[in-house]
Amino acid sequence: MRIESQAFIRVFSGGVTMVNLPDFDLTGRKALVTGGGDGLGIEFTEALLDAGASVVISSRRKEFIDSVVKERSKKYPLLSAIACDVTDLKDVNRLVKEIGDIDILVNSAGLSHRQPWAEEQSEDWRRIMVLNLESPHWLAQKFMPGMMERGWGRVVNISSICGIQVGDPRLLPGLGNDMPSYYASKHALLGLTKFLAATGGEHGVTVNAICPGPFFSPANSIAFGPGPILDAVSGAIPMRRIGQPGELRTALLFLTSPASSFVTGQAIVVDGGTTIW
């Protein structure tokens, strides 16, 4: 294999195939990443910036996201921030007016709530559902029509392997997997992804989901910690380790780039093989 003219050339017995690196170029594209200032969200943000897109990150914490932009301004001059509570429809409407048209929407903001299902209160249930499910629905409602009118757009919903299975509590000694609202919201997000894909498909808009498995993030580092939980979770993964945040970048870049033009309504699982057992 050799690199020539910004393309990978692979020669097979049946002929030559070419994968053009420009197919992953997002220069001139504008993206919104909710929850894009920390955790796995900052990995998504930087992946898009590295591919040439301009990126707006959003969070309720204005001072925090402003500091994220300031810290990265030299490396990423195309990064900006707009504070918004995406669980408040009025605030979402304000965000839409302020940001204008976008080409790429990444619904990365999300939250889990650990509570025995028999004890979970309706207000906690609704809080998770609004952030993990209704917010992506609202944002798609606001931004997809413009993408469809222009004939190009990418929407990526960040779900989880908790959207395709229920975790084994034996892998979480002392912690358990009592997260009924989280499981329900992430399963439902995949259903919404398929619906939106069917809606936008003929207009050049693809809608897909990424389902991360166990990854190191600030929240997971606290939950897993060094010890029996980390050992149990890692031992249940065929690759025998937790994922590193940067290993999600290429999945996002593929789904937001021209390279994925015939991929829609799919859930891309990035989990080290966790769900194949």
Protein backbone atom coordinates (compact mmCIF):
# COMPACT_ATOMS: atom_id res chain seq x y z
CA MET A 1 0.00 0.00 0.00
CA ARG A 2 1.27 3.48 -0.79
CA ILE A 3 -0.19 6.94 -0.48
CA GLU A 4 -0.60 8.88 -3.69
CA SER A 5 -2.43 12.13 -4.38
CA GLN A 6 -4.17 12.14 -1.00
CA ALA A 7 -5.71 8.73 -1.63
CA PHE A 8 -5.12 5.23 -0.37
CA ILE A 9 -4.54 2.82 -3.27
CA ARG A 10 -5.14 -0.87 -2.62
CA VAL A 11 -4.47 -3.46 -5.29
CA PHE A 12 -6.41 -6.72 -5.20
CA SER A 13 -6.55 -9.67 -7.58
CA GLY A 14 -9.84 -8.33 -8.89
CA GLY A 15 -8.58 -4.86 -9.62
CA VAL A 16 -7.80 -1.55 -7.95
CA THR A 17 -9.95 0.26 -5.39
CA MET A 18 -9.41 3.80 -4.25
CA VAL A 19 -10.48 5.45 -1.01
CA ASN A 20 -10.17 9.20 -1.30
CA LEU A 21 -9.04 10.94 1.84
CA PRO A 22 -10.92 14.11 0.76
CA ASP A 23 -14.11 12.09 1.36
CA PHE A 24 -13.46 12.72 5.06
CA ASP A 25 -12.81 16.45 4.66
CA LEU A 26 -15.35 18.67 6.44
CA THR A 27 -13.89 22.01 5.41
CA GLY A 28 -16.68 24.56 5.08
CA ARG A 29 -19.16 22.53 7.13
CA LYS A 30 -20.69 23.89 10.33
CA ALA A 31 -21.47 21.62 13.26
CA LEU A 32 -23.24 21.80 16.59
CA VAL A 33 -22.16 19.41 19.35
CA THR A 34 -24.34 19.42 22.44
CA GLY A 35 -22.38 18.49 25.53
CA GLY A 36 -19.31 19.06 23.40
CA GLY A 37 -17.10 20.65 26.04
CA ASP A 38 -16.10 17.69 28.16
CA GLY A 39 -16.21 13.93 28.54
CA LEU A 40 -16.59 12.06 25.28
CA GLY A 41 -18.15 15.19 23.78
CA ILE A 42 -14.83 17.03 23.58
CA GLU A 43 -13.42 14.12 21.58
CA PHE A 44 -16.25 14.51 19.07
CA THR A 45 -15.71 18.26 18.95
CA GLU A 46 -12.00 18.01 18.28
CA ALA A 47 -12.49 15.28 15.67
CA LEU A 48 -14.75 17.58 13.65
CA LEU A 49 -12.38 20.52 14.05
CA ASP A 50 -9.43 18.41 12.95
CA ALA A 51 -11.41 17.49 9.83
CA GLY A 52 -11.85 21.16 8.97
CA ALA A 53 -15.37 21.92 10.25
CA SER A 54 -16.32 24.92 12.31
CA VAL A 55 -17.89 23.73 15.56
CA VAL A 56 -20.24 25.30 18.08
CA ILE A 57 -20.40 23.57 21.44
CA SER A 58 -23.37 23.97 23.74
CA SER A 59 -23.93 23.47 27.45
CA ARG A 60 -25.88 25.05 30.27
CA ARG A 61 -22.56 26.04 31.88
CA LYS A 62 -21.63 29.22 30.05
CA GLU A 63 -18.44 29.93 31.99
CA PHE A 64 -17.24 26.39 31.44
CA ILE A 65 -17.75 26.24 27.67
CA ASP A 66 -16.31 29.74 27.28
CA SER A 67 -13.19 28.50 29.08
CA VAL A 68 -13.02 25.46 26.79
CA VAL A 69 -13.04 27.74 23.74
CA LYS A 70 -10.46 30.08 25.25
CA GLU A 71 -8.08 27.23 26.13
CA ARG A 72 -8.23 25.86 22.59
CA SER A 73 -8.48 29.11 20.62
CA LYS A 74 -4.95 28.99 19.26
CA LYS A 75 -5.22 25.43 17.95
CA TYR A 76 -8.89 25.62 16.99
CA PRO A 77 -9.88 29.11 15.80
CA LEU A 78 -13.11 27.67 14.33
CA LEU A 79 -14.39 26.61 17.76
CA SER A 80 -17.11 28.68 19.45
CA ALA A 81 -19.70 28.23 22.18
CA ILE A 82 -23.32 29.11 22.86
CA ALA A 83 -24.78 28.45 26.29
CA CYS A 84 -28.09 26.62 26.16
CA ASP A 85 -30.19 24.36 28.34
CA VAL A 86 -31.26 21.81 25.73
CA THR A 87 -33.93 20.47 28.10
CA ASP A 88 -35.76 23.80 27.81
CA LEU A 89 -37.57 24.14 24.48
CA LYS A 90 -37.62 27.94 24.72
CA ASP A 91 -33.87 27.97 25.18
CA VAL A 92 -33.47 25.56 22.26
CA ASN A 93 -35.46 27.96 20.08
CA ARG A 94 -33.11 30.77 21.13
CA LEU A 95 -30.09 28.62 20.27
CA VAL A 96 -31.49 27.87 16.83
CA LYS A 97 -31.96 31.56 16.07
CA GLU A 98 -28.50 32.45 17.34
CA ILE A 99 -26.56 29.70 15.58
CA GLY A 100 -28.31 29.81 12.19
CA ASP A 101 -27.98 26.99 9.66
CA ILE A 102 -25.76 24.00 10.39
CA ASP A 103 -24.67 21.00 8.36
CA ILE A 104 -23.90 18.58 11.17
CA LEU A 105 -25.74 17.94 14.43
CA VAL A 106 -24.19 15.76 17.10
CA ASN A 107 -26.51 15.05 20.03
CA SER A 108 -23.91 14.18 22.64
CA ALA A 109 -25.45 15.67 25.79
CA GLY A 110 -26.75 12.91 28.03
CA LEU A 111 -27.16 11.77 31.59
CA SER A 112 -27.76 8.58 33.54
CA HIS A 113 -29.60 8.12 36.81
CA ARG A 114 -28.95 5.17 39.09
CA GLN A 115 -31.99 4.17 41.12
CA PRO A 116 -33.71 0.83 41.82
CA TRP A 117 -36.57 0.63 39.34
CA ALA A 118 -39.16 0.10 42.07
CA GLU A 119 -38.08 3.37 43.70
CA GLU A 120 -37.45 5.64 40.72
CA GLN A 121 -39.59 8.74 40.94
CA SER A 122 -41.41 10.14 37.94
CA GLU A 123 -39.53 13.45 38.10
CA ASP A 124 -36.19 11.64 37.82
CA TRP A 125 -37.53 9.53 34.94
CA ARG A 126 -38.74 12.62 33.09
CA ARG A 127 -35.45 14.46 33.63
CA ILE A 128 -33.52 11.68 31.92
CA MET A 129 -36.04 11.31 29.10
CA VAL A 130 -36.06 15.02 28.31
CA LEU A 131 -32.28 15.25 28.04
CA ASN A 132 -31.53 11.90 26.40
CA LEU A 133 -34.52 11.67 24.07
CA GLU A 134 -36.67 14.79 23.75
CA SER A 135 -33.72 17.14 23.31
CA PRO A 136 -32.35 15.24 20.26
CA HIS A 137 -35.90 15.18 18.89
CA TRP A 138 -36.31 18.95 19.30
CA LEU A 139 -32.93 19.74 17.77
CA ALA A 140 -33.59 17.49 14.78
CA GLN A 141 -36.96 19.19 14.31
CA LYS A 142 -35.26 22.56 14.21
CA PHE A 143 -32.20 21.82 12.09
CA MET A 144 -33.12 18.96 9.75
CA PRO A 145 -35.59 20.91 7.58
CA GLY A 146 -32.81 23.30 6.55
CA MET A 147 -30.46 20.40 5.83
CA MET A 148 -33.16 18.73 3.73
CA GLU A 149 -33.80 21.92 1.80
CA ARG A 150 -30.08 22.27 1.02
CA GLY A 151 -29.77 18.57 0.13
CA TRP A 152 -27.02 17.64 2.60
CA GLY A 153 -26.83 17.02 6.31
CA ARG A 154 -25.55 14.69 8.99
CA VAL A 155 -27.18 13.93 12.34
CA VAL A 156 -25.43 11.66 14.83
CA ASN A 157 -27.14 10.65 18.05
CA ILE A 158 -24.89 9.35 20.81
CA SER A 159 -26.66 6.36 22.28
CA SER A 160 -24.91 3.52 24.12
CA ILE A 161 -24.66 -0.25 24.22
CA CYS A 162 -27.29 0.32 26.91
CA GLY A 163 -29.52 1.13 23.95
CA ILE A 164 -29.22 -2.41 22.58
CA GLN A 165 -28.86 -4.52 25.71
CA VAL A 166 -29.32 -4.44 29.48
CA GLY A 167 -26.11 -4.70 31.46
CA ASP A 168 -25.19 -7.71 33.54
CA PRO A 169 -25.26 -6.61 37.21
CA ARG A 170 -22.61 -9.23 38.01
CA LEU A 171 -20.12 -7.03 36.18
CA LEU A 172 -20.78 -4.15 38.56
CA PRO A 173 -20.13 -5.54 42.03
CA GLY A 174 -21.42 -3.20 44.67
CA LEU A 175 -22.81 -0.84 42.04
CA GLY A 176 -25.47 -2.73 40.11
CA ASN A 177 -27.18 -1.69 36.89
CA ASP A 178 -30.37 -0.11 38.21
CA MET A 179 -30.75 2.55 35.52
CA PRO A 180 -34.22 1.91 34.04
CA SER A 181 -34.68 5.44 32.70
CA TYR A 182 -31.25 5.41 31.06
CA TYR A 183 -31.82 2.07 29.34
CA ALA A 184 -35.26 3.15 28.17
CA SER A 185 -34.04 6.51 26.85
CA LYS A 186 -31.10 5.05 24.94
CA HIS A 187 -33.23 2.28 23.40
CA ALA A 188 -35.79 4.92 22.38
CA LEU A 189 -33.07 7.13 20.89
CA LEU A 190 -32.25 4.36 18.42
CA GLY A 191 -35.91 4.23 17.39
CA LEU A 192 -35.89 7.98 16.88
CA THR A 193 -32.69 7.66 14.83
CA LYS A 194 -34.37 5.22 12.44
CA PHE A 195 -37.45 7.40 12.09
CA LEU A 196 -35.38 10.49 11.34
CA ALA A 197 -33.27 8.53 8.86
CA ALA A 198 -36.41 7.53 6.96
CA THR A 199 -37.59 11.14 7.03
CA GLY A 200 -34.39 12.73 5.74
CA GLY A 201 -33.06 10.02 3.45
CA GLU A 202 -34.43 11.15 0.11
CA HIS A 203 -33.25 14.68 0.82
CA GLY A 204 -29.58 13.84 1.29
CA VAL A 205 -29.65 13.87 5.11
CA THR A 206 -28.30 10.84 6.96
CA VAL A 207 -29.12 10.09 10.58
CA ASN A 208 -27.15 7.51 12.52
CA ALA A 209 -26.21 6.64 16.08
CA ILE A 210 -23.02 5.68 17.86
CA CYS A 211 -23.29 3.15 20.69
CA PRO A 212 -20.18 3.36 22.86
CA GLY A 213 -19.36 0.54 25.22
CA PRO A 214 -17.34 1.03 28.41
CA PHE A 215 -15.06 4.01 27.88
CA PHE A 216 -12.89 6.02 30.19
CA SER A 217 -14.53 9.36 30.89
CA PRO A 218 -14.65 11.53 34.01
CA ALA A 219 -17.93 9.93 35.09
CA ASN A 220 -16.87 6.37 34.31
CA SER A 221 -13.50 6.82 35.96
CA ILE A 222 -15.33 7.54 39.21
CA ALA A 223 -17.78 4.66 38.72
CA PHE A 224 -15.21 2.07 37.63
CA GLY A 225 -12.20 3.24 39.60
CA PRO A 226 -9.25 0.92 40.04
CA GLY A 227 -10.51 -2.27 41.65
CA PRO A 228 -13.13 -4.99 41.29
CA ILE A 229 -15.55 -3.10 39.02
CA LEU A 230 -12.86 -2.15 36.52
CA ASP A 231 -11.48 -5.69 36.61
CA ALA A 232 -14.94 -7.21 36.08
CA VAL A 233 -15.90 -4.87 33.25
CA SER A 234 -12.54 -5.23 31.49
CA GLY A 235 -12.66 -9.01 31.86
CA ALA A 236 -16.05 -9.11 30.13
CA ILE A 237 -14.72 -7.33 27.03
CA PRO A 238 -13.10 -9.54 24.36
CA MET A 239 -10.30 -6.99 24.02
CA ARG A 240 -9.86 -7.13 27.80
CA ARG A 241 -9.70 -3.37 28.31
CA ILE A 242 -11.81 -0.25 28.58
CA GLY A 243 -11.99 1.99 25.52
CA GLN A 244 -9.98 5.18 25.27
CA PRO A 245 -11.98 8.33 24.37
CA GLY A 246 -9.99 8.95 21.19
CA GLU A 247 -11.14 5.60 19.81
CA LEU A 248 -14.60 7.06 19.18
CA ARG A 249 -13.33 9.81 16.90
CA THR A 250 -13.13 7.84 13.69
CA ALA A 251 -16.66 6.51 14.04
CA LEU A 252 -18.00 10.04 14.35
CA LEU A 253 -15.82 11.34 11.53
CA PHE A 254 -17.06 8.60 9.21
CA LEU A 255 -20.74 9.23 10.01
CA THR A 256 -20.45 13.00 9.57
CA SER A 257 -18.40 12.96 6.38
CA PRO A 258 -19.26 12.53 2.70
CA ALA A 259 -17.75 9.04 2.98
CA SER A 260 -20.93 7.77 4.69
CA SER A 261 -23.31 9.04 2.02
CA PHE A 262 -25.14 5.67 1.76
CA VAL A 263 -25.18 4.88 5.48
CA THR A 264 -28.27 5.92 7.40
CA GLY A 265 -30.50 4.61 10.17
CA GLN A 266 -27.64 2.60 11.63
CA ALA A 267 -26.26 2.15 15.12
CA ILE A 268 -22.47 1.87 15.01
CA VAL A 269 -21.30 -0.08 18.05
CA VAL A 270 -17.84 0.80 19.38
CA ASP A 271 -17.37 -1.47 22.37
CA GLY A 272 -14.29 -3.68 22.01
CA GLY A 273 -16.62 -6.60 21.31
CA THR A 274 -18.61 -6.31 24.56
CA THR A 275 -21.94 -7.10 22.88
CA ILE A 276 -20.76 -10.12 20.87
CA TRP A 277 -20.73 -12.56 23.80
